[in-house]
Amino acid sequence: MIRQSLIAAITTISLTACEGHSNHTADIAPRDTSAYNIGRERAAYLTDSCHTENEVRRQLLDMQALETDIRTRVSPAAASAYREGIRTYLTERGDTLATTLF
């Protein structure tokens, strides 16, 4: 249910996103900004709410599944933006997962 809502939100927002959004890097297309921001939000949840190895693994699997859904239902560019949002957030936080995953 949540995944379907996220996909619907990405699809809707990616079609209407404006260029002036401040949470994306220069190489993220304006239409993919929402996917990028969702990636950042998922990474924040991962670092703030997952405290055991099993929770981290489960969240990483969910994040990978969402990336696949975005790639197949929205676009490869949106999936790349989602992944970039995760990478950027983890790198900014200095999290060791950034070097492990990327």
C-alpha atoms as a PDB file:
ATOM      1  CA  MET A   1       0.000   0.000   0.000  1.00  0.00           C
ATOM      2  CA  ILE A   2       2.732   2.463   0.974  1.00  0.00           C
ATOM      3  CA  ARG A   3       4.810   1.465  -2.043  1.00  0.00           C
ATOM      4  CA  GLN A   4       1.846   2.041  -4.361  1.00  0.00           C
ATOM      5  CA  SER A   5       1.290   5.448  -2.788  1.00  0.00           C
ATOM      6  CA  LEU A   6       4.949   6.340  -3.262  1.00  0.00           C
ATOM      7  CA  ILE A   7       4.861   5.262  -6.910  1.00  0.00           C
ATOM      8  CA  ALA A   8       1.711   7.302  -7.477  1.00  0.00           C
ATOM      9  CA  ALA A   9       3.293  10.302  -5.775  1.00  0.00           C
ATOM     10  CA  ILE A  10       6.472   9.990  -7.818  1.00  0.00           C
ATOM     11  CA  THR A  11       4.512   9.713 -11.044  1.00  0.00           C
ATOM     12  CA  THR A  12       2.317  12.694 -10.226  1.00  0.00           C
ATOM     13  CA  ILE A  13       5.020  14.910  -8.830  1.00  0.00           C
ATOM     14  CA  SER A  14       7.587  14.010 -11.479  1.00  0.00           C
ATOM     15  CA  LEU A  15       5.204  15.310 -14.103  1.00  0.00           C
ATOM     16  CA  THR A  16       4.640  18.596 -12.266  1.00  0.00           C
ATOM     17  CA  ALA A  17       7.863  19.312 -10.347  1.00  0.00           C
ATOM     18  CA  CYS A  18       9.337  22.780 -10.687  1.00  0.00           C
ATOM     19  CA  GLU A  19      12.977  23.587 -11.377  1.00  0.00           C
ATOM     20  CA  GLY A  20      13.554  25.727  -8.316  1.00  0.00           C
ATOM     21  CA  HIS A  21      13.628  22.933  -5.754  1.00  0.00           C
ATOM     22  CA  SER A  22      16.631  23.193  -3.470  1.00  0.00           C
ATOM     23  CA  ASN A  23      17.173  19.529  -2.511  1.00  0.00           C
ATOM     24  CA  HIS A  24      18.593  18.195  -5.733  1.00  0.00           C
ATOM     25  CA  THR A  25      21.947  18.233  -7.406  1.00  0.00           C
ATOM     26  CA  ALA A  26      22.580  19.934 -10.721  1.00  0.00           C
ATOM     27  CA  ASP A  27      22.465  16.679 -12.683  1.00  0.00           C
ATOM     28  CA  ILE A  28      18.955  15.701 -11.491  1.00  0.00           C
ATOM     29  CA  ALA A  29      16.255  16.677 -13.974  1.00  0.00           C
ATOM     30  CA  PRO A  30      13.439  18.757 -12.458  1.00  0.00           C
ATOM     31  CA  ARG A  31      10.894  16.040 -13.246  1.00  0.00           C
ATOM     32  CA  ASP A  32      12.966  13.555 -11.187  1.00  0.00           C
ATOM     33  CA  THR A  33      13.341  15.762  -8.117  1.00  0.00           C
ATOM     34  CA  SER A  34      10.577  13.978  -6.211  1.00  0.00           C
ATOM     35  CA  ALA A  35      12.280  10.612  -6.712  1.00  0.00           C
ATOM     36  CA  TYR A  36      15.551  12.148  -5.477  1.00  0.00           C
ATOM     37  CA  ASN A  37      13.816  13.536  -2.390  1.00  0.00           C
ATOM     38  CA  ILE A  38      12.150  10.201  -1.655  1.00  0.00           C
ATOM     39  CA  GLY A  39      15.597   8.598  -1.840  1.00  0.00           C
ATOM     40  CA  ARG A  40      16.861  11.088   0.725  1.00  0.00           C
ATOM     41  CA  GLU A  41      13.845  10.405   2.952  1.00  0.00           C
ATOM     42  CA  ARG A  42      14.353   6.638   2.756  1.00  0.00           C
ATOM     43  CA  ALA A  43      18.049   7.041   3.591  1.00  0.00           C
ATOM     44  CA  ALA A  44      17.118   9.235   6.561  1.00  0.00           C
ATOM     45  CA  TYR A  45      14.716   6.583   7.777  1.00  0.00           C
ATOM     46  CA  LEU A  46      17.431   3.968   7.368  1.00  0.00           C
ATOM     47  CA  THR A  47      19.970   5.875   9.439  1.00  0.00           C
ATOM     48  CA  ASP A  48      17.543   7.191  12.060  1.00  0.00           C
ATOM     49  CA  SER A  49      15.161   4.293  12.612  1.00  0.00           C
ATOM     50  CA  CYS A  50      16.948   1.048  11.783  1.00  0.00           C
ATOM     51  CA  HIS A  51      18.986  -0.042  14.788  1.00  0.00           C
ATOM     52  CA  THR A  52      19.607  -3.746  14.252  1.00  0.00           C
ATOM     53  CA  GLU A  53      21.315  -5.531  11.405  1.00  0.00           C
ATOM     54  CA  ASN A  54      18.029  -7.194  10.441  1.00  0.00           C
ATOM     55  CA  GLU A  55      16.226  -3.847  10.320  1.00  0.00           C
ATOM     56  CA  VAL A  56      18.962  -2.384   8.122  1.00  0.00           C
ATOM     57  CA  ARG A  57      18.873  -5.382   5.777  1.00  0.00           C
ATOM     58  CA  ARG A  58      15.088  -5.252   5.529  1.00  0.00           C
ATOM     59  CA  GLN A  59      15.145  -1.515   4.801  1.00  0.00           C
ATOM     60  CA  LEU A  60      17.872  -1.948   2.167  1.00  0.00           C
ATOM     61  CA  LEU A  61      15.792  -4.634   0.458  1.00  0.00           C
ATOM     62  CA  ASP A  62      12.737  -2.362   0.532  1.00  0.00           C
ATOM     63  CA  MET A  63      14.793   0.490  -0.898  1.00  0.00           C
ATOM     64  CA  GLN A  64      16.080  -1.740  -3.692  1.00  0.00           C
ATOM     65  CA  ALA A  65      12.558  -2.958  -4.449  1.00  0.00           C
ATOM     66  CA  LEU A  66      11.288   0.624  -4.630  1.00  0.00           C
ATOM     67  CA  GLU A  67      14.131   1.527  -6.993  1.00  0.00           C
ATOM     68  CA  THR A  68      13.085  -1.346  -9.259  1.00  0.00           C
ATOM     69  CA  ASP A  69       9.444  -0.226  -9.124  1.00  0.00           C
ATOM     70  CA  ILE A  70      10.420   3.334 -10.004  1.00  0.00           C
ATOM     71  CA  ARG A  71      12.618   2.104 -12.864  1.00  0.00           C
ATOM     72  CA  THR A  72       9.848  -0.018 -14.382  1.00  0.00           C
ATOM     73  CA  ARG A  73       6.813   2.159 -13.638  1.00  0.00           C
ATOM     74  CA  VAL A  74       8.200   5.698 -13.913  1.00  0.00           C
ATOM     75  CA  SER A  75      11.544   5.855 -15.721  1.00  0.00           C
ATOM     76  CA  PRO A  76      15.177   4.805 -15.477  1.00  0.00           C
ATOM     77  CA  ALA A  77      16.127   8.454 -14.906  1.00  0.00           C
ATOM     78  CA  ALA A  78      13.786   8.715 -11.917  1.00  0.00           C
ATOM     79  CA  ALA A  79      15.257   5.499 -10.471  1.00  0.00           C
ATOM     80  CA  SER A  80      18.747   6.938 -10.876  1.00  0.00           C
ATOM     81  CA  ALA A  81      17.626  10.130  -9.139  1.00  0.00           C
ATOM     82  CA  TYR A  82      16.165   8.048  -6.290  1.00  0.00           C
ATOM     83  CA  ARG A  83      19.466   6.200  -5.912  1.00  0.00           C
ATOM     84  CA  GLU A  84      21.389   9.491  -6.063  1.00  0.00           C
ATOM     85  CA  GLY A  85      19.201  10.881  -3.264  1.00  0.00           C
ATOM     86  CA  ILE A  86      20.137   7.908  -1.092  1.00  0.00           C
ATOM     87  CA  ARG A  87      23.828   8.212  -1.937  1.00  0.00           C
ATOM     88  CA  THR A  88      23.913  11.959  -1.344  1.00  0.00           C
ATOM     89  CA  TYR A  89      22.156  11.741   2.012  1.00  0.00           C
ATOM     90  CA  LEU A  90      24.401   8.960   3.284  1.00  0.00           C
ATOM     91  CA  THR A  91      27.520  10.760   2.052  1.00  0.00           C
ATOM     92  CA  GLU A  92      26.479  14.042   3.669  1.00  0.00           C
ATOM     93  CA  ARG A  93      25.950  12.248   6.960  1.00  0.00           C
ATOM     94  CA  GLY A  94      29.320  10.520   6.683  1.00  0.00           C
ATOM     95  CA  ASP A  95      27.587   7.174   7.079  1.00  0.00           C
ATOM     96  CA  THR A  96      29.755   4.129   6.384  1.00  0.00           C
ATOM     97  CA  LEU A  97      26.940   2.662   4.302  1.00  0.00           C
ATOM     98  CA  ALA A  98      27.731   5.251   1.614  1.00  0.00           C
ATOM     99  CA  THR A  99      31.144   3.708   0.966  1.00  0.00           C
ATOM    100  CA  THR A 100      29.792   0.169   1.295  1.00  0.00           C
ATOM    101  CA  LEU A 101      26.847   0.626  -1.082  1.00  0.00           C
ATOM    102  CA  PHE A 102      28.308   3.041  -3.581  1.00  0.00           C
END
